[in-house]
Amino acid sequence: MAWQRKIPFGYMMKNGEILCCPTESAAVKEIFRLYSEGMAYSKIADEMMLQGIPYHKHTGQWNKHMVKRILENERYLGEKEYPPIIEPETFMRVQLVRGDKNTYTPCPEYIKPIREKAVCGVCGGKMVRDTRASNKVRWYCETEGCTNRRYIEDEDTRTALTERLNALAQNPDLFIWHLPEHGGELTLDAARIQNEVIRELNKAEPGAEYTKMLILACAAEKYSGLPDYTPYHQMKTLRERIIDRPPDDELRNEILKTVIQEVRFTGGGLELRLINGKALEAAGKEIGRCMQQQPKR
């Protein structure tokens, strides 16, 4: 049996007057916020059910059509006898997003770091996100001839990545970067510049500016020959933090930013490749290992 509300969701009748229902009006604001951040109708409906907010007093079930009706209802602006719930700027912004759904779905902020590291799990090419195909979020490989296509909602991508990062946090042994060794030998160019510095200083009247330039050039050349210790310290710090605390959003974001080199889209899901060459396979059961990359000199 289908039930219909006599007044829109978000309002209640009291002593013949239409008032804002505190619980429902707060849910209306939350629905507008979630949608403006990129969440789909169906995902918002699931969120309302998780929060235990009934649309009808008879049932706690929600569906995408209920969410759609709320997002397009102008009464929330304070039409006629209805008090306002939504600011005009918020309502207009959501309507613009809804109107643009035929061409694109805005990319949420949480997807942007993933997009920067997205790689095809088939050919290794760059994975690109768009919504031009059937108004669905699509990830596709931009390499000509590659047919890797993945239709994945943004929320599902975030959920899958969160699961991968949590699984990675349960394997601290993956966060290992061996301390680079430096033999202490000068490069050929550094040795030549150093010899030129010595010759210039042995002159009766060395040129001050020229000598200064040589010393700076020598220092720069010596520094360029040193290994990069940054990845070692990043991995060491994260490994210590992972052991000491359970993963949260802050830690997951740091892992993604500093030690994940690639987020690979494969047939089995998302695969994470670390900057040290190791990998967490999409299935989460196998820990792959590639040849460790050497620090750039």
Protein backbone atom coordinates (compact mmCIF):
# COMPACT_ATOMS: atom_id res chain seq x y z
CA MET A 1 0.00 0.00 0.00
CA ALA A 2 1.33 3.46 -0.93
CA TRP A 3 0.98 6.23 1.63
CA GLN A 4 0.92 9.90 0.72
CA ARG A 5 1.86 12.72 3.03
CA LYS A 6 -0.66 15.51 3.51
CA ILE A 7 2.12 18.05 3.97
CA PRO A 8 5.69 17.87 2.59
CA PHE A 9 8.44 16.09 4.46
CA GLY A 10 10.06 18.53 6.85
CA TYR A 11 6.87 20.08 8.15
CA MET A 12 4.19 19.26 10.70
CA MET A 13 0.74 20.60 11.52
CA LYS A 14 0.14 22.00 15.00
CA ASN A 15 -3.02 23.86 16.07
CA GLY A 16 -3.90 24.43 12.45
CA GLU A 17 -0.50 25.98 11.65
CA ILE A 18 2.24 24.49 9.50
CA LEU A 19 5.54 24.42 11.40
CA CYS A 20 9.01 22.99 10.80
CA CYS A 21 9.40 19.49 12.19
CA PRO A 22 12.80 19.61 13.94
CA THR A 23 13.89 16.10 12.98
CA GLU A 24 12.58 16.17 9.43
CA SER A 25 13.72 19.72 8.64
CA ALA A 26 17.24 18.78 9.78
CA ALA A 27 17.04 15.77 7.44
CA VAL A 28 15.98 18.04 4.56
CA LYS A 29 19.06 20.20 5.10
CA GLU A 30 21.23 17.08 5.25
CA ILE A 31 19.73 15.78 1.98
CA PHE A 32 20.52 19.04 0.20
CA ARG A 33 24.05 19.00 1.60
CA LEU A 34 24.75 15.39 0.60
CA TYR A 35 23.44 15.93 -2.91
CA SER A 36 25.46 19.10 -3.41
CA GLU A 37 28.57 17.09 -2.43
CA GLY A 38 27.91 14.56 -5.16
CA MET A 39 25.95 11.79 -3.43
CA ALA A 40 23.39 10.01 -5.64
CA TYR A 41 19.65 9.83 -4.89
CA SER A 42 19.79 6.15 -3.98
CA LYS A 43 22.78 6.63 -1.67
CA ILE A 44 21.02 9.48 0.12
CA ALA A 45 17.96 7.26 0.57
CA ASP A 46 20.18 4.59 2.11
CA GLU A 47 21.70 7.20 4.44
CA MET A 48 18.26 8.32 5.65
CA MET A 49 17.36 4.72 6.46
CA LEU A 50 20.65 4.25 8.30
CA GLN A 51 19.86 7.31 10.40
CA GLY A 52 16.41 5.88 11.20
CA ILE A 53 14.48 8.87 9.86
CA PRO A 54 11.11 7.70 8.45
CA TYR A 55 9.65 9.41 5.39
CA HIS A 56 6.21 8.04 6.28
CA LYS A 57 5.14 7.33 9.83
CA HIS A 58 4.07 3.89 8.61
CA THR A 59 7.50 2.75 7.38
CA GLY A 60 11.18 3.58 7.57
CA GLN A 61 11.77 2.78 3.89
CA TRP A 62 13.19 5.39 1.54
CA ASN A 63 13.77 5.40 -2.22
CA LYS A 64 15.39 7.72 -4.74
CA HIS A 65 12.03 9.18 -5.81
CA MET A 66 11.41 10.48 -2.29
CA VAL A 67 14.80 12.16 -2.30
CA LYS A 68 14.14 13.67 -5.74
CA ARG A 69 10.81 15.13 -4.63
CA ILE A 70 12.49 16.79 -1.64
CA LEU A 71 15.27 18.31 -3.75
CA GLU A 72 12.84 19.87 -6.24
CA ASN A 73 10.27 21.14 -3.71
CA GLU A 74 10.21 24.97 -3.71
CA ARG A 75 8.16 25.08 -0.52
CA TYR A 76 11.40 24.70 1.44
CA LEU A 77 12.21 28.28 0.40
CA GLY A 78 9.23 29.51 2.44
CA GLU A 79 6.48 29.40 -0.16
CA LYS A 80 2.96 30.42 0.92
CA GLU A 81 2.21 29.25 4.46
CA TYR A 82 5.33 27.08 4.71
CA PRO A 83 8.23 28.40 6.82
CA PRO A 84 11.66 28.35 5.11
CA ILE A 85 14.04 25.44 5.65
CA ILE A 86 16.55 25.90 2.82
CA GLU A 87 18.47 29.07 1.92
CA PRO A 88 17.80 30.33 -1.63
CA GLU A 89 21.51 30.02 -2.56
CA THR A 90 21.57 26.37 -1.48
CA PHE A 91 18.36 25.58 -3.35
CA MET A 92 19.58 27.27 -6.53
CA ARG A 93 22.93 25.50 -6.38
CA VAL A 94 21.24 22.11 -6.10
CA GLN A 95 18.87 22.89 -8.98
CA LEU A 96 21.81 23.84 -11.18
CA VAL A 97 23.49 20.54 -10.36
CA ARG A 98 20.28 18.65 -11.07
CA GLY A 99 19.89 20.49 -14.37
CA ASP A 100 23.42 19.59 -15.39
CA LYS A 101 22.94 15.89 -14.66
CA ASN A 102 22.25 15.32 -18.34
CA THR A 103 25.84 16.18 -19.15
CA TYR A 104 27.91 15.60 -16.06
CA THR A 105 27.98 14.75 -12.38
CA PRO A 106 30.19 17.08 -10.33
CA CYS A 107 33.35 15.49 -9.08
CA PRO A 108 33.28 15.38 -5.26
CA GLU A 109 36.33 16.63 -3.40
CA TYR A 110 37.09 13.14 -2.06
CA ILE A 111 37.40 11.78 -5.61
CA LYS A 112 40.00 14.32 -6.77
CA PRO A 113 42.99 12.70 -4.96
CA ILE A 114 41.94 9.34 -6.42
CA ARG A 115 41.68 10.80 -9.90
CA GLU A 116 45.24 12.11 -9.67
CA LYS A 117 46.57 8.58 -9.04
CA ALA A 118 44.09 6.55 -11.12
CA VAL A 119 45.79 4.04 -13.43
CA CYS A 120 44.44 1.34 -15.74
CA GLY A 121 44.93 -2.12 -14.28
CA VAL A 122 45.09 -3.60 -17.80
CA CYS A 123 47.65 -1.52 -19.68
CA GLY A 124 48.96 0.93 -17.08
CA GLY A 125 47.53 3.98 -18.86
CA LYS A 126 45.79 6.91 -17.22
CA MET A 127 42.22 6.30 -16.01
CA VAL A 128 39.84 9.22 -16.60
CA ARG A 129 36.52 9.91 -14.87
CA ASP A 130 33.53 11.27 -16.78
CA THR A 131 29.72 11.12 -16.71
CA ARG A 132 28.87 11.66 -20.36
CA ALA A 133 27.84 8.05 -20.95
CA SER A 134 24.22 7.46 -19.85
CA ASN A 135 24.64 10.02 -17.03
CA LYS A 136 26.62 7.44 -15.08
CA VAL A 137 30.01 7.87 -13.49
CA ARG A 138 32.47 6.10 -15.73
CA TRP A 139 36.20 5.47 -15.40
CA TYR A 140 37.92 4.64 -18.67
CA CYS A 141 41.47 4.19 -19.88
CA GLU A 142 42.56 6.96 -22.22
CA THR A 143 45.09 4.71 -23.98
CA GLU A 144 44.00 4.15 -27.56
CA GLY A 145 42.82 0.59 -28.10
CA CYS A 146 42.38 -0.23 -24.39
CA THR A 147 38.82 -1.25 -23.53
CA ASN A 148 39.05 -0.96 -19.74
CA ARG A 149 35.75 0.67 -18.67
CA ARG A 150 34.38 0.75 -15.12
CA TYR A 151 30.96 2.15 -14.20
CA ILE A 152 31.28 2.91 -10.50
CA GLU A 153 29.37 5.42 -8.39
CA ASP A 154 31.62 7.88 -6.59
CA GLU A 155 30.43 6.66 -3.18
CA ASP A 156 31.26 3.09 -4.15
CA THR A 157 34.73 4.18 -5.28
CA ARG A 158 35.32 5.90 -1.95
CA THR A 159 34.05 2.85 -0.04
CA ALA A 160 36.31 0.52 -2.02
CA LEU A 161 39.32 2.76 -1.47
CA THR A 162 38.59 3.01 2.25
CA GLU A 163 38.51 -0.79 2.46
CA ARG A 164 41.81 -1.02 0.56
CA LEU A 165 43.50 1.54 2.79
CA ASN A 166 42.21 -0.20 5.92
CA ALA A 167 43.57 -3.49 4.62
CA LEU A 168 46.87 -1.80 3.87
CA ALA A 169 47.00 -0.44 7.43
CA GLN A 170 46.71 -4.02 8.67
CA ASN A 171 49.95 -4.87 6.85
CA PRO A 172 52.59 -2.51 8.30
CA ASP A 173 55.37 -4.64 6.78
CA LEU A 174 54.43 -3.12 3.43
CA PHE A 175 55.54 0.28 4.71
CA ILE A 176 59.23 -0.45 4.36
CA TRP A 177 61.70 1.62 2.40
CA HIS A 178 65.30 0.59 2.90
CA LEU A 179 67.60 3.40 3.94
CA PRO A 180 69.50 4.49 0.82
CA GLU A 181 73.24 4.05 0.93
CA HIS A 182 75.68 6.69 -0.18
CA GLY A 183 79.24 5.75 -0.98
CA GLY A 184 80.53 9.26 -0.38
CA GLU A 185 82.28 9.44 -3.76
CA LEU A 186 82.14 12.67 -5.71
CA THR A 187 80.51 12.73 -9.11
CA LEU A 188 82.80 13.60 -12.01
CA ASP A 189 81.28 17.07 -12.37
CA ALA A 190 81.56 17.74 -8.63
CA ALA A 191 85.24 16.73 -8.68
CA ARG A 192 85.94 19.02 -11.64
CA ILE A 193 84.23 22.00 -10.00
CA GLN A 194 86.02 21.31 -6.72
CA ASN A 195 89.38 21.28 -8.52
CA GLU A 196 88.48 24.58 -10.16
CA VAL A 197 87.66 26.05 -6.73
CA ILE A 198 91.10 24.96 -5.45
CA ARG A 199 92.88 26.43 -8.48
CA GLU A 200 91.04 29.72 -8.07
CA LEU A 201 91.83 29.92 -4.35
CA ASN A 202 95.52 29.26 -5.04
CA LYS A 203 95.74 32.35 -7.19
CA ALA A 204 97.43 35.44 -5.80
CA GLU A 205 94.24 37.43 -6.27
CA PRO A 206 91.25 35.07 -6.70
CA GLY A 207 88.12 36.60 -8.13
CA ALA A 208 85.67 36.95 -5.28
CA GLU A 209 82.47 36.64 -7.34
CA TYR A 210 83.82 33.85 -9.53
CA THR A 211 85.05 31.90 -6.48
CA LYS A 212 81.68 32.34 -4.78
CA MET A 213 79.91 31.07 -7.89
CA LEU A 214 82.21 28.03 -8.06
CA ILE A 215 81.67 27.16 -4.38
CA LEU A 216 77.89 27.35 -4.77
CA ALA A 217 78.01 25.25 -7.95
CA CYS A 218 80.19 22.67 -6.22
CA ALA A 219 77.81 22.47 -3.24
CA ALA A 220 74.82 22.09 -5.56
CA GLU A 221 76.50 19.32 -7.53
CA LYS A 222 77.47 17.45 -4.36
CA TYR A 223 73.93 17.76 -3.00
CA SER A 224 72.42 16.48 -6.25
CA GLY A 225 74.44 13.31 -5.84
CA LEU A 226 72.92 12.48 -2.46
CA PRO A 227 70.07 9.93 -2.30
CA ASP A 228 66.56 11.16 -1.47
CA TYR A 229 65.80 10.17 2.12
CA THR A 230 62.26 11.64 2.09
CA PRO A 231 60.42 8.40 1.13
CA TYR A 232 62.32 6.48 3.81
CA HIS A 233 61.26 8.88 6.55
CA GLN A 234 57.66 9.07 5.25
CA MET A 235 57.28 5.30 5.25
CA LYS A 236 58.96 4.93 8.62
CA THR A 237 56.71 7.58 10.22
CA LEU A 238 53.53 6.10 8.79
CA ARG A 239 54.52 2.59 9.79
CA GLU A 240 54.97 3.73 13.39
CA ARG A 241 51.62 5.55 13.37
CA ILE A 242 49.80 2.56 11.89
CA ILE A 243 51.13 0.26 14.59
CA ASP A 244 50.10 2.67 17.35
CA ARG A 245 46.56 3.54 16.29
CA PRO A 246 43.60 2.24 14.27
CA PRO A 247 43.08 3.86 10.85
CA ASP A 248 40.85 6.92 10.64
CA ASP A 249 40.10 9.44 7.88
CA GLU A 250 43.16 11.53 8.70
CA LEU A 251 45.52 8.56 8.58
CA ARG A 252 43.94 7.13 5.42
CA ASN A 253 44.26 10.49 3.66
CA GLU A 254 47.92 10.70 4.65
CA ILE A 255 48.59 7.18 3.37
CA LEU A 256 46.90 7.99 0.06
CA LYS A 257 48.77 11.27 -0.31
CA THR A 258 52.28 10.21 0.66
CA VAL A 259 52.85 6.51 -0.04
CA ILE A 260 50.30 5.46 -2.67
CA GLN A 261 51.77 5.87 -6.13
CA GLU A 262 48.89 4.38 -8.12
CA VAL A 263 45.24 3.45 -7.62
CA ARG A 264 44.78 0.76 -10.28
CA PHE A 265 41.31 -0.05 -11.65
CA THR A 266 41.17 -3.78 -12.30
CA GLY A 267 38.44 -6.31 -12.97
CA GLY A 268 38.57 -7.36 -9.33
CA GLY A 269 38.40 -3.87 -7.86
CA LEU A 270 40.96 -1.30 -6.76
CA GLU A 271 44.61 -2.25 -6.41
CA LEU A 272 47.05 -0.03 -4.53
CA ARG A 273 50.67 0.37 -5.64
CA LEU A 274 53.04 1.92 -3.13
CA ILE A 275 56.00 4.18 -3.84
CA ASN A 276 58.33 1.38 -2.70
CA GLY A 277 57.04 -0.89 -5.49
CA LYS A 278 54.90 -3.14 -3.31
CA ALA A 279 51.21 -3.66 -4.01
CA LEU A 280 48.00 -4.55 -2.24
CA GLU A 281 46.00 -6.65 -4.66
CA ALA A 282 42.35 -5.85 -5.34
CA ALA A 283 41.07 -9.03 -3.68
CA GLY A 284 42.95 -8.20 -0.51
CA LYS A 285 44.13 -11.79 -0.08
CA GLU A 286 47.47 -11.52 -1.79
CA ILE A 287 50.22 -9.04 -1.21
CA GLY A 288 52.04 -8.48 -4.46
CA ARG A 289 55.59 -7.22 -4.64
CA CYS A 290 57.31 -5.46 -7.47
CA MET A 291 60.96 -4.56 -7.77
CA GLN A 292 61.60 -1.78 -5.30
CA GLN A 293 62.20 1.53 -6.97
CA GLN A 294 65.50 3.16 -6.27
CA PRO A 295 65.50 6.74 -5.04
CA LYS A 296 66.14 9.27 -7.76
CA ARG A 297 69.49 10.90 -7.71
